[in-house]
Amino acid sequence: MKNILKKLGIIIFVFSLQSCSDDYLDTLPTDSVGAAEAIATTKNAWASLNGIHRTLYSQMRSTQGEGGLGGVFLVSEHLGDDLVYASTSVNTSWYSGSYRWVDHRNENSSVASYPYYYFYNIINNANLIIAQIDNAVGDPAEKNAIKGQALAYRGWAHFNLVQLYGKRYVRGAVNSQLGVPILLTSTIEGQARNTVEQVYTQINIDLDDAATLLTGYSRPNKSHLNLNVVNGLRARVALTQGRWVDAATHAANAKTGFSLMTTSQYQGGFNDINNSEWMWGSSILDDQTMYFYSIHAYISRNFSSSHIRTHAKVVYRDLYTKFPSTDIRRGVVATTNSTADNYPSYMTFAGGVTYARAAGASTKFWVKNPSSSVADIVNMRVSEMWLIEAEARARNSEDVLAQNALHSLNLIRRSDVPLKSTNVNDALIDEIMIHRRMELWGEGFRFFDLKRTNAPLKRDHTGTNHLQSQTTGLFNVPAGDIQWEFMIPRAELNANPLMVQNPS
């Protein structure tokens, strides 16, 4: 960790920071009075916290595709089964190596190093706030709000890291398998990997403490983390650990005060943070565009880039065919490649350019202006909480409660009045997981879901639309295979004698 944290250890973000300028970062080493000054007052601390908020949608390094959290979302989707490339060309994007399960297994690749850099970046900055905020001058309620969010960020970042670089959490097991280093102080010294169990213990401590501190906090906007968001994070963690009752309880608490979006909102482009269903997200101003670094430069339907114009992102046919014709989520997927049906792919946008058509093309994500990649980014939605509650209830053999939770979502996602599911046991779990796949398509969940449920990657169902030329033959990865672990970055291994690499 030393090499990466040496770089991370000098980062303090302020609200006015417009880019991750090396000149700026080099002026504020954390082993000097600079870090204390940055958190000396609640006003300064808010600026530092807002800097962390901004990392969710900021260009972090010089490699295209590393635009904040969206870069991680995209890797997860490309490693899954439900995102398909319709184009027959071999090299389609910066993520083709992820689509083929190559880059995350290469210790020298940016895909292997970026999440490590990114999440430890957030942890380091959260630690600076946590260490100093109690001594800051200002309103105690504000200090609680700042510290609570910093703790939530630290727990959430460790959660993402251990899922990517560690082995999966096994319910009921000792979980002594290697996870990631737990970082609770701002340091540039190399740290050894903690066990998966130890990492999850610390994640839950941080999130529980955050929930206590954020109780009663009224946030100014949805980029801030409040009690609802923290409960949503607790629900995600509990689901991953197999703590079914906790997962259902936290999910139910998280969605309090929010409502599911309407049909028109669902089909409106997924680009507006004011959507009633969005619990946590990033509002992107026109002058904050990342252009080709943004998630929308790769996943949207109408950004005017050669990648978007040429390569439609398609929903896996095996998933799409499972949905009833009355499901409104079919409305953001083209059923054929005809000009009439495949709206808006045949429409012309900037400069009169025609966009590629493909059967199954997703039209879920839209930028606000085709000439820029500006669009608000969603990190958590109410529908996810309904699905967590339904899945946790079903896995805990509470079939009726699981059916009720799924039905609450289904009533809004269908144009007719659907009957409540009568499935039980594994059939009910399978039904819920199908709804989760279609509901959260493209939002960064698929790799994590496959890994946590110990499911194999399977891209070769009958009638598959995954192409040999795109996957280079990688259609299946067995559950539990070593390929489910990201390789530790080589730069970290070179600098940290305590670090141990994952199996190759």
Protein backbone atom coordinates (compact mmCIF):
# COMPACT_ATOMS: atom_id res chain seq x y z
CA MET A 1 0.00 0.00 0.00
CA LYS A 2 2.91 2.33 0.60
CA ASN A 3 3.43 3.41 -2.97
CA ILE A 4 -0.21 4.17 -3.61
CA LEU A 5 -0.82 5.69 -0.20
CA LYS A 6 2.25 7.85 -0.51
CA LYS A 7 0.39 9.42 -3.38
CA LEU A 8 -2.92 9.35 -1.56
CA GLY A 9 -1.54 10.63 1.71
CA ILE A 10 -1.10 14.14 0.41
CA ILE A 11 -4.66 14.60 -0.75
CA ILE A 12 -7.09 17.01 0.85
CA PHE A 13 -9.97 18.06 -1.35
CA VAL A 14 -11.72 21.40 -1.08
CA PHE A 15 -15.05 22.39 -2.51
CA SER A 16 -13.55 24.78 -5.03
CA LEU A 17 -11.23 22.13 -6.45
CA GLN A 18 -12.05 21.70 -10.14
CA SER A 19 -9.58 18.90 -10.93
CA CYS A 20 -7.10 16.69 -9.15
CA SER A 21 -4.20 19.03 -9.76
CA ASP A 22 -0.79 17.61 -8.83
CA ASP A 23 0.42 21.15 -8.07
CA TYR A 24 -2.36 21.57 -5.53
CA LEU A 25 -1.90 18.17 -3.93
CA ASP A 26 1.81 18.66 -3.45
CA THR A 27 1.24 21.74 -1.30
CA LEU A 28 -0.58 20.04 1.56
CA PRO A 29 1.23 17.06 3.09
CA THR A 30 -0.75 15.36 5.80
CA ASP A 31 2.22 15.07 8.15
CA SER A 32 2.31 18.85 8.58
CA VAL A 33 -0.03 21.42 10.03
CA GLY A 34 -1.82 21.51 6.66
CA ALA A 35 -4.17 18.63 7.41
CA ALA A 36 -5.17 20.05 10.80
CA GLU A 37 -5.80 23.45 9.25
CA ALA A 38 -8.04 21.88 6.64
CA ILE A 39 -10.31 20.55 9.40
CA ALA A 40 -9.76 23.36 11.94
CA THR A 41 -13.31 24.65 11.62
CA THR A 42 -16.56 23.09 10.54
CA LYS A 43 -16.55 25.44 7.55
CA ASN A 44 -13.22 24.03 6.42
CA ALA A 45 -14.34 20.50 7.23
CA TRP A 46 -17.44 20.87 5.06
CA ALA A 47 -15.17 21.89 2.20
CA SER A 48 -13.05 18.79 2.70
CA LEU A 49 -16.14 16.57 2.87
CA ASN A 50 -17.50 18.18 -0.29
CA GLY A 51 -14.21 17.25 -1.89
CA ILE A 52 -14.94 13.60 -1.15
CA HIS A 53 -18.42 14.01 -2.62
CA ARG A 54 -16.78 15.37 -5.75
CA THR A 55 -14.49 12.36 -6.15
CA LEU A 56 -17.60 10.37 -7.07
CA TYR A 57 -17.72 12.19 -10.40
CA SER A 58 -14.20 13.58 -10.93
CA GLN A 59 -11.52 12.48 -13.33
CA MET A 60 -9.04 10.81 -11.03
CA ARG A 61 -6.13 9.85 -13.26
CA SER A 62 -5.02 10.30 -16.86
CA THR A 63 -6.49 7.07 -18.23
CA GLN A 64 -9.78 7.45 -20.06
CA GLY A 65 -12.67 5.70 -18.35
CA GLU A 66 -11.50 6.53 -14.82
CA GLY A 67 -14.16 9.08 -14.12
CA GLY A 68 -14.88 8.67 -10.43
CA LEU A 69 -17.26 5.98 -9.25
CA GLY A 70 -18.69 5.53 -12.73
CA GLY A 71 -15.45 3.89 -13.85
CA VAL A 72 -15.97 1.16 -11.25
CA PHE A 73 -19.64 0.75 -12.22
CA LEU A 74 -18.63 0.17 -15.84
CA VAL A 75 -16.04 -2.46 -14.99
CA SER A 76 -18.64 -4.35 -12.92
CA GLU A 77 -21.15 -4.31 -15.76
CA HIS A 78 -18.59 -5.46 -18.34
CA LEU A 79 -17.53 -8.34 -16.08
CA GLY A 80 -21.13 -9.49 -15.83
CA ASP A 81 -23.41 -11.31 -18.23
CA ASP A 82 -26.19 -8.80 -18.82
CA LEU A 83 -24.32 -6.14 -20.84
CA VAL A 84 -23.66 -7.16 -24.43
CA TYR A 85 -21.78 -5.56 -27.34
CA ALA A 86 -23.69 -5.92 -30.59
CA SER A 87 -20.82 -4.71 -32.77
CA THR A 88 -18.68 -7.42 -34.33
CA SER A 89 -15.49 -5.35 -34.15
CA VAL A 90 -12.91 -6.81 -31.79
CA ASN A 91 -11.73 -3.70 -29.95
CA THR A 92 -14.80 -1.73 -29.04
CA SER A 93 -13.91 0.31 -25.99
CA TRP A 94 -11.63 0.97 -23.07
CA TYR A 95 -13.57 -1.80 -21.35
CA SER A 96 -13.05 -4.57 -23.90
CA GLY A 97 -10.37 -6.08 -21.62
CA SER A 98 -12.89 -6.21 -18.79
CA TYR A 99 -15.54 -7.72 -21.06
CA ARG A 100 -13.04 -10.53 -21.77
CA TRP A 101 -12.01 -10.93 -18.11
CA VAL A 102 -8.41 -10.00 -18.83
CA ASP A 103 -7.61 -6.58 -17.39
CA HIS A 104 -8.65 -7.12 -13.76
CA ARG A 105 -6.38 -10.18 -13.73
CA ASN A 106 -3.37 -8.19 -14.92
CA GLU A 107 -1.50 -6.61 -11.99
CA ASN A 108 -0.07 -3.96 -14.32
CA SER A 109 -3.38 -2.87 -15.82
CA SER A 110 -5.22 0.32 -14.95
CA VAL A 111 -8.39 -1.71 -14.36
CA ALA A 112 -6.65 -3.63 -11.56
CA SER A 113 -5.10 -0.52 -10.03
CA TYR A 114 -7.86 2.07 -10.44
CA PRO A 115 -10.37 0.77 -7.84
CA TYR A 116 -7.50 0.25 -5.37
CA TYR A 117 -6.30 3.81 -5.88
CA TYR A 118 -9.80 5.24 -5.97
CA PHE A 119 -11.29 3.71 -2.83
CA TYR A 120 -8.15 4.12 -0.70
CA ASN A 121 -8.14 7.72 -1.86
CA ILE A 122 -11.60 8.14 -0.33
CA ILE A 123 -10.60 6.24 2.83
CA ASN A 124 -7.52 8.39 3.33
CA ASN A 125 -9.45 11.63 3.03
CA ALA A 126 -12.21 10.32 5.28
CA ASN A 127 -9.56 9.43 7.88
CA LEU A 128 -8.21 12.96 7.83
CA ILE A 129 -11.66 14.29 8.67
CA ILE A 130 -12.40 11.63 11.30
CA ALA A 131 -9.08 12.29 13.07
CA GLN A 132 -9.52 16.06 13.27
CA ILE A 133 -13.23 16.90 13.33
CA ASP A 134 -13.80 16.45 17.08
CA ASN A 135 -11.31 19.27 17.74
CA ALA A 136 -12.73 21.59 15.09
CA VAL A 137 -14.34 24.89 15.99
CA GLY A 138 -18.03 24.88 15.20
CA ASP A 139 -21.51 23.58 15.94
CA PRO A 140 -21.45 20.07 17.49
CA ALA A 141 -24.40 19.04 15.28
CA GLU A 142 -22.40 19.99 12.21
CA LYS A 143 -19.40 18.05 13.46
CA ASN A 144 -21.61 14.98 13.91
CA ALA A 145 -22.95 15.35 10.37
CA ILE A 146 -19.45 15.70 8.90
CA LYS A 147 -17.95 12.85 10.92
CA GLY A 148 -20.93 10.59 10.23
CA GLN A 149 -20.56 11.01 6.50
CA ALA A 150 -16.80 10.48 6.65
CA LEU A 151 -17.33 7.24 8.59
CA ALA A 152 -19.93 6.12 6.07
CA TYR A 153 -17.55 6.79 3.21
CA ARG A 154 -14.78 4.86 4.96
CA GLY A 155 -17.00 1.84 5.58
CA TRP A 156 -18.45 1.92 2.06
CA ALA A 157 -15.01 2.19 0.45
CA HIS A 158 -13.65 -0.78 2.43
CA PHE A 159 -16.79 -2.70 1.42
CA ASN A 160 -16.09 -2.14 -2.27
CA LEU A 161 -12.41 -2.98 -1.91
CA VAL A 162 -12.92 -6.28 -0.08
CA GLN A 163 -15.47 -7.43 -2.65
CA LEU A 164 -13.11 -6.69 -5.53
CA TYR A 165 -9.73 -7.80 -4.16
CA GLY A 166 -10.73 -10.34 -1.54
CA LYS A 167 -12.53 -13.64 -1.65
CA ARG A 168 -16.28 -13.59 -1.20
CA TYR A 169 -17.82 -13.54 2.27
CA VAL A 170 -19.20 -16.98 3.16
CA ARG A 171 -22.20 -16.98 5.47
CA GLY A 172 -21.59 -19.05 8.60
CA ALA A 173 -17.89 -19.54 7.90
CA VAL A 174 -14.83 -18.21 9.75
CA ASN A 175 -13.90 -16.07 6.72
CA SER A 176 -10.20 -16.10 7.49
CA GLN A 177 -9.42 -15.73 3.78
CA LEU A 178 -7.41 -12.67 2.74
CA GLY A 179 -9.31 -9.44 2.31
CA VAL A 180 -7.72 -6.00 2.04
CA PRO A 181 -5.76 -3.80 4.45
CA ILE A 182 -7.96 -1.92 6.92
CA LEU A 183 -6.87 1.71 6.98
CA LEU A 184 -8.07 3.70 9.99
CA THR A 185 -5.39 6.40 10.03
CA SER A 186 -3.79 8.53 7.38
CA THR A 187 -0.45 6.86 6.71
CA ILE A 188 1.92 6.12 3.87
CA GLU A 189 3.30 2.99 5.53
CA GLY A 190 2.53 -0.32 3.90
CA GLN A 191 -0.12 -2.42 5.62
CA ALA A 192 -0.76 -6.17 5.59
CA ARG A 193 -4.01 -7.60 4.31
CA ASN A 194 -6.64 -8.23 6.96
CA THR A 195 -8.98 -11.19 6.79
CA VAL A 196 -12.34 -10.87 5.09
CA GLU A 197 -14.06 -11.21 8.48
CA GLN A 198 -11.96 -8.45 10.02
CA VAL A 199 -12.73 -6.10 7.14
CA TYR A 200 -16.47 -6.68 7.40
CA THR A 201 -16.34 -6.18 11.15
CA GLN A 202 -14.79 -2.76 10.64
CA ILE A 203 -17.22 -1.91 7.84
CA ASN A 204 -20.15 -2.56 10.15
CA ILE A 205 -18.57 -0.57 13.00
CA ASP A 206 -18.13 2.43 10.72
CA LEU A 207 -21.63 2.25 9.28
CA ASP A 208 -23.26 1.74 12.69
CA ASP A 209 -21.36 4.74 14.09
CA ALA A 210 -22.32 6.76 11.04
CA ALA A 211 -25.99 5.91 11.54
CA THR A 212 -25.82 7.15 15.13
CA LEU A 213 -24.16 10.42 14.18
CA LEU A 214 -26.47 11.09 11.22
CA THR A 215 -29.72 10.47 13.07
CA GLY A 216 -31.73 13.67 12.70
CA TYR A 217 -29.40 15.16 10.07
CA SER A 218 -31.22 16.98 7.27
CA ARG A 219 -28.96 17.15 4.25
CA PRO A 220 -28.89 20.04 1.76
CA ASN A 221 -28.93 17.79 -1.32
CA LYS A 222 -28.72 14.16 -2.41
CA SER A 223 -24.95 14.21 -2.87
CA HIS A 224 -24.66 14.14 0.93
CA LEU A 225 -25.07 10.91 2.88
CA ASN A 226 -27.91 10.90 5.41
CA LEU A 227 -29.42 8.18 7.59
CA ASN A 228 -31.43 6.76 4.66
CA VAL A 229 -28.28 6.30 2.60
CA VAL A 230 -26.35 4.78 5.48
CA ASN A 231 -29.18 2.34 6.11
CA GLY A 232 -29.06 1.50 2.43
CA LEU A 233 -25.34 0.77 2.72
CA ARG A 234 -25.96 -1.32 5.83
CA ALA A 235 -28.57 -3.27 3.87
CA ARG A 236 -26.07 -3.96 1.07
CA VAL A 237 -23.44 -5.17 3.52
CA ALA A 238 -25.86 -7.36 5.47
CA LEU A 239 -27.14 -8.93 2.24
CA THR A 240 -23.57 -9.72 1.18
CA GLN A 241 -22.86 -11.31 4.56
CA GLY A 242 -26.07 -13.30 4.59
CA ARG A 243 -27.50 -11.49 7.60
CA TRP A 244 -31.00 -11.69 6.18
CA VAL A 245 -33.00 -10.10 8.99
CA ASP A 246 -30.62 -7.15 9.23
CA ALA A 247 -30.63 -6.70 5.45
CA ALA A 248 -34.44 -6.59 5.30
CA THR A 249 -34.70 -4.27 8.30
CA HIS A 250 -32.08 -1.80 7.04
CA ALA A 251 -33.59 -1.78 3.55
CA ALA A 252 -37.06 -1.06 4.92
CA ASN A 253 -35.70 1.79 7.03
CA ALA A 254 -33.63 3.15 4.14
CA LYS A 255 -36.56 3.68 1.80
CA THR A 256 -38.63 5.63 4.33
CA GLY A 257 -39.73 8.94 2.81
CA PHE A 258 -38.97 7.98 -0.79
CA SER A 259 -41.32 6.79 -3.52
CA LEU A 260 -40.83 4.70 -6.62
CA MET A 261 -40.57 6.58 -9.89
CA THR A 262 -43.35 6.70 -12.45
CA THR A 263 -43.25 5.09 -15.87
CA SER A 264 -42.37 8.37 -17.58
CA GLN A 265 -39.58 8.98 -15.07
CA TYR A 266 -38.20 5.49 -15.61
CA GLN A 267 -38.12 6.08 -19.34
CA GLY A 268 -36.82 9.64 -18.98
CA GLY A 269 -33.09 8.99 -19.31
CA PHE A 270 -31.84 8.32 -15.77
CA ASN A 271 -30.10 11.69 -15.65
CA ASP A 272 -31.98 13.79 -13.07
CA ILE A 273 -31.07 13.69 -9.38
CA ASN A 274 -34.45 15.23 -8.53
CA ASN A 275 -36.13 11.94 -9.42
CA SER A 276 -38.25 10.90 -6.44
CA GLU A 277 -36.66 7.45 -6.35
CA TRP A 278 -33.04 8.56 -6.21
CA MET A 279 -31.70 8.33 -2.66
CA TRP A 280 -28.06 9.20 -3.33
CA GLY A 281 -26.41 10.61 -6.41
CA SER A 282 -24.27 13.31 -7.95
CA SER A 283 -25.64 16.43 -9.58
CA ILE A 284 -23.43 17.34 -12.54
CA LEU A 285 -23.32 20.96 -13.68
CA ASP A 286 -22.70 21.92 -17.29
CA ASP A 287 -19.18 23.14 -16.54
CA GLN A 288 -18.28 19.91 -14.72
CA THR A 289 -18.44 17.58 -17.70
CA MET A 290 -15.75 14.90 -17.93
CA TYR A 291 -16.51 14.24 -21.59
CA PHE A 292 -14.82 10.91 -22.41
CA TYR A 293 -14.06 10.09 -18.76
CA SER A 294 -17.71 10.07 -17.69
CA ILE A 295 -19.78 6.93 -17.22
CA HIS A 296 -22.28 8.40 -19.67
CA ALA A 297 -19.61 8.55 -22.36
CA TYR A 298 -19.88 4.74 -22.40
CA ILE A 299 -23.34 3.74 -21.21
CA SER A 300 -25.64 6.48 -22.53
CA ARG A 301 -27.55 6.23 -25.81
CA ASN A 302 -27.09 9.74 -27.18
CA PHE A 303 -23.68 11.17 -26.26
CA SER A 304 -22.01 12.16 -29.51
CA SER A 305 -18.84 10.11 -29.33
CA SER A 306 -17.61 7.57 -31.86
CA HIS A 307 -17.93 4.87 -29.22
CA ILE A 308 -21.57 5.62 -28.42
CA ARG A 309 -22.54 6.21 -32.06
CA THR A 310 -20.97 2.94 -33.18
CA HIS A 311 -21.47 0.51 -30.32
CA ALA A 312 -24.95 0.14 -28.88
CA LYS A 313 -25.05 -1.39 -25.40
CA VAL A 314 -27.41 -4.33 -25.50
CA VAL A 315 -29.31 -6.26 -22.83
CA TYR A 316 -28.52 -9.97 -22.66
CA ARG A 317 -31.23 -11.81 -24.59
CA ASP A 318 -31.61 -14.51 -21.93
CA LEU A 319 -32.61 -11.83 -19.43
CA TYR A 320 -34.78 -9.74 -21.72
CA THR A 321 -36.94 -12.66 -22.85
CA LYS A 322 -37.90 -13.41 -19.25
CA PHE A 323 -39.82 -10.20 -18.80
CA PRO A 324 -43.57 -9.94 -19.47
CA SER A 325 -44.73 -7.64 -22.25
CA THR A 326 -46.43 -5.36 -19.72
CA ASP A 327 -43.20 -4.58 -17.84
CA ILE A 328 -42.28 -0.94 -18.35
CA ARG A 329 -38.60 -1.78 -18.22
CA ARG A 330 -39.00 -3.31 -21.67
CA GLY A 331 -39.70 0.23 -22.83
CA VAL A 332 -36.01 1.14 -22.50
CA VAL A 333 -34.90 -1.85 -24.59
CA ALA A 334 -35.32 -2.05 -28.37
CA THR A 335 -36.95 -5.31 -29.44
CA THR A 336 -35.64 -5.25 -33.03
CA ASN A 337 -33.08 -3.34 -35.06
CA SER A 338 -35.67 -1.66 -37.29
CA THR A 339 -35.74 2.12 -37.56
CA ALA A 340 -39.32 2.21 -36.29
CA ASP A 341 -38.86 0.05 -33.24
CA ASN A 342 -35.31 0.91 -32.30
CA TYR A 343 -35.94 4.42 -31.10
CA PRO A 344 -33.92 6.54 -30.57
CA SER A 345 -30.90 4.80 -32.08
CA TYR A 346 -31.80 5.77 -35.62
CA MET A 347 -32.45 9.37 -34.65
CA THR A 348 -29.88 11.98 -35.49
CA PHE A 349 -28.29 14.11 -32.79
CA ALA A 350 -25.24 16.33 -32.97
CA GLY A 351 -24.14 17.15 -36.51
CA GLY A 352 -26.84 14.98 -38.06
CA VAL A 353 -24.97 11.80 -37.11
CA THR A 354 -26.90 8.54 -37.20
CA TYR A 355 -26.54 6.19 -34.24
CA ALA A 356 -26.14 2.43 -34.61
CA ARG A 357 -29.16 0.17 -34.24
CA ALA A 358 -29.31 -3.23 -32.58
CA ALA A 359 -31.97 -5.55 -31.30
CA GLY A 360 -31.95 -5.35 -27.52
CA ALA A 361 -30.18 -1.98 -27.41
CA SER A 362 -30.68 -0.19 -24.11
CA THR A 363 -32.04 3.33 -24.14
CA LYS A 364 -32.04 3.60 -20.35
CA PHE A 365 -29.34 6.27 -19.97
CA TRP A 366 -29.36 9.64 -21.73
CA VAL A 367 -27.11 12.65 -21.44
CA LYS A 368 -28.85 15.99 -21.16
CA ASN A 369 -27.04 17.36 -24.22
CA PRO A 370 -25.64 15.03 -26.92
CA SER A 371 -22.59 17.25 -27.36
CA SER A 372 -21.47 16.73 -23.73
CA SER A 373 -21.53 13.80 -21.32
CA VAL A 374 -23.32 15.83 -18.62
CA ALA A 375 -25.97 13.84 -16.77
CA ASP A 376 -26.66 13.37 -13.08
CA ILE A 377 -25.37 10.06 -11.71
CA VAL A 378 -27.37 7.72 -9.50
CA ASN A 379 -25.67 5.76 -6.70
CA MET A 380 -28.68 4.39 -4.80
CA ARG A 381 -32.37 4.03 -5.57
CA VAL A 382 -35.47 2.99 -3.62
CA SER A 383 -36.11 0.07 -5.96
CA GLU A 384 -32.83 -1.51 -4.83
CA MET A 385 -34.11 -1.40 -1.25
CA TRP A 386 -37.36 -3.16 -2.19
CA LEU A 387 -35.29 -5.81 -3.98
CA ILE A 388 -32.91 -6.24 -1.03
CA GLU A 389 -35.85 -6.65 1.32
CA ALA A 390 -37.50 -9.16 -1.01
CA GLU A 391 -34.31 -11.19 -1.52
CA ALA A 392 -33.39 -11.21 2.16
CA ARG A 393 -36.90 -12.30 3.17
CA ALA A 394 -36.90 -15.06 0.56
CA ARG A 395 -33.48 -16.36 1.59
CA ASN A 396 -34.70 -16.36 5.19
CA SER A 397 -37.72 -18.52 4.20
CA GLU A 398 -40.15 -15.63 4.78
CA ASP A 399 -41.86 -16.25 1.46
CA VAL A 400 -45.01 -14.22 2.07
CA LEU A 401 -43.08 -11.12 3.16
CA ALA A 402 -40.74 -11.57 0.20
CA GLN A 403 -43.71 -11.84 -2.18
CA ASN A 404 -45.19 -8.67 -0.70
CA ALA A 405 -41.96 -6.69 -1.14
CA LEU A 406 -41.54 -7.83 -4.73
CA HIS A 407 -45.18 -7.07 -5.44
CA SER A 408 -44.80 -3.50 -4.16
CA LEU A 409 -42.16 -2.92 -6.83
CA ASN A 410 -43.97 -4.92 -9.50
CA LEU A 411 -47.14 -2.88 -9.15
CA ILE A 412 -45.23 0.22 -10.26
CA ARG A 413 -43.12 -1.49 -12.92
CA ARG A 414 -46.07 -3.05 -14.78
CA SER A 415 -48.58 -1.30 -17.02
CA ASP A 416 -51.26 -3.78 -15.97
CA VAL A 417 -52.23 -4.94 -12.48
CA PRO A 418 -50.03 -7.98 -11.89
CA LEU A 419 -50.91 -10.86 -9.64
CA LYS A 420 -48.72 -11.37 -6.60
CA SER A 421 -46.09 -14.04 -7.08
CA THR A 422 -46.97 -17.48 -5.80
CA ASN A 423 -43.42 -18.80 -6.08
CA VAL A 424 -41.68 -20.04 -2.94
CA ASN A 425 -38.21 -21.16 -1.92
CA ASP A 426 -35.60 -21.20 -4.71
CA ALA A 427 -38.13 -20.35 -7.40
CA LEU A 428 -39.01 -17.14 -5.55
CA ILE A 429 -35.34 -16.24 -5.08
CA ASP A 430 -34.75 -16.81 -8.80
CA GLU A 431 -37.70 -14.58 -9.67
CA ILE A 432 -36.44 -11.79 -7.41
CA MET A 433 -32.94 -12.00 -8.88
CA ILE A 434 -34.33 -11.66 -12.42
CA HIS A 435 -36.15 -8.51 -11.36
CA ARG A 436 -32.96 -7.22 -9.77
CA ARG A 437 -31.02 -7.80 -12.98
CA MET A 438 -33.44 -5.90 -15.19
CA GLU A 439 -34.13 -3.14 -12.65
CA LEU A 440 -30.47 -2.35 -11.95
CA TRP A 441 -29.03 -3.04 -15.41
CA GLY A 442 -26.08 -0.76 -16.17
CA GLU A 443 -25.86 0.67 -12.64
CA GLY A 444 -22.77 -1.25 -11.53
CA PHE A 445 -24.18 -4.20 -9.57
CA ARG A 446 -23.83 -7.29 -11.75
CA PHE A 447 -20.28 -8.48 -10.99
CA PHE A 448 -20.82 -7.88 -7.27
CA ASP A 449 -24.12 -9.80 -7.34
CA LEU A 450 -22.63 -12.79 -9.12
CA LYS A 451 -19.71 -12.94 -6.71
CA ARG A 452 -21.69 -12.52 -3.49
CA THR A 453 -24.21 -15.21 -4.50
CA ASN A 454 -21.42 -17.57 -5.61
CA ALA A 455 -22.96 -17.80 -9.06
CA PRO A 456 -21.00 -18.61 -12.21
CA LEU A 457 -20.63 -16.25 -15.13
CA LYS A 458 -22.71 -17.78 -17.91
CA ARG A 459 -23.01 -16.04 -21.27
CA ASP A 460 -23.89 -18.99 -23.49
CA HIS A 461 -27.57 -19.61 -22.86
CA THR A 462 -29.53 -20.78 -25.90
CA GLY A 463 -29.82 -17.90 -28.36
CA THR A 464 -27.09 -15.86 -26.69
CA ASN A 465 -26.28 -12.50 -28.24
CA HIS A 466 -22.77 -12.42 -26.74
CA LEU A 467 -20.36 -12.67 -29.65
CA GLN A 468 -17.23 -14.79 -30.02
CA SER A 469 -15.42 -11.82 -31.58
CA GLN A 470 -16.16 -9.63 -28.56
CA THR A 471 -15.61 -12.10 -25.72
CA THR A 472 -12.75 -13.91 -27.51
CA GLY A 473 -14.34 -17.10 -26.28
CA LEU A 474 -14.77 -16.18 -22.62
CA PHE A 475 -18.40 -17.16 -22.08
CA ASN A 476 -18.22 -18.90 -18.71
CA VAL A 477 -16.33 -18.57 -15.42
CA PRO A 478 -17.08 -21.10 -12.67
CA ALA A 479 -18.29 -19.90 -9.28
CA GLY A 480 -15.44 -19.57 -6.82
CA ASP A 481 -12.77 -19.47 -9.51
CA ILE A 482 -9.67 -17.38 -8.74
CA GLN A 483 -10.67 -15.10 -11.61
CA TRP A 484 -13.32 -13.54 -9.36
CA GLU A 485 -10.53 -11.72 -7.47
CA PHE A 486 -8.89 -8.58 -8.83
CA MET A 487 -5.11 -8.71 -8.81
CA ILE A 488 -3.32 -6.41 -6.34
CA PRO A 489 -1.60 -3.64 -8.35
CA ARG A 490 2.07 -4.29 -9.10
CA ALA A 491 3.00 -0.81 -7.86
CA GLU A 492 1.61 -1.71 -4.45
CA LEU A 493 3.45 -5.03 -4.34
CA ASN A 494 6.74 -3.37 -5.27
CA ALA A 495 6.47 -0.80 -2.50
CA ASN A 496 4.83 -2.78 0.29
CA PRO A 497 6.73 -5.86 1.59
CA LEU A 498 3.71 -6.82 3.70
CA MET A 499 1.41 -7.16 0.72
CA VAL A 500 0.48 -10.60 -0.66
CA GLN A 501 -0.74 -11.08 -4.21
CA ASN A 502 -3.89 -13.01 -5.11
CA PRO A 503 -3.48 -16.37 -6.88
CA SER A 504 -2.83 -16.17 -10.61
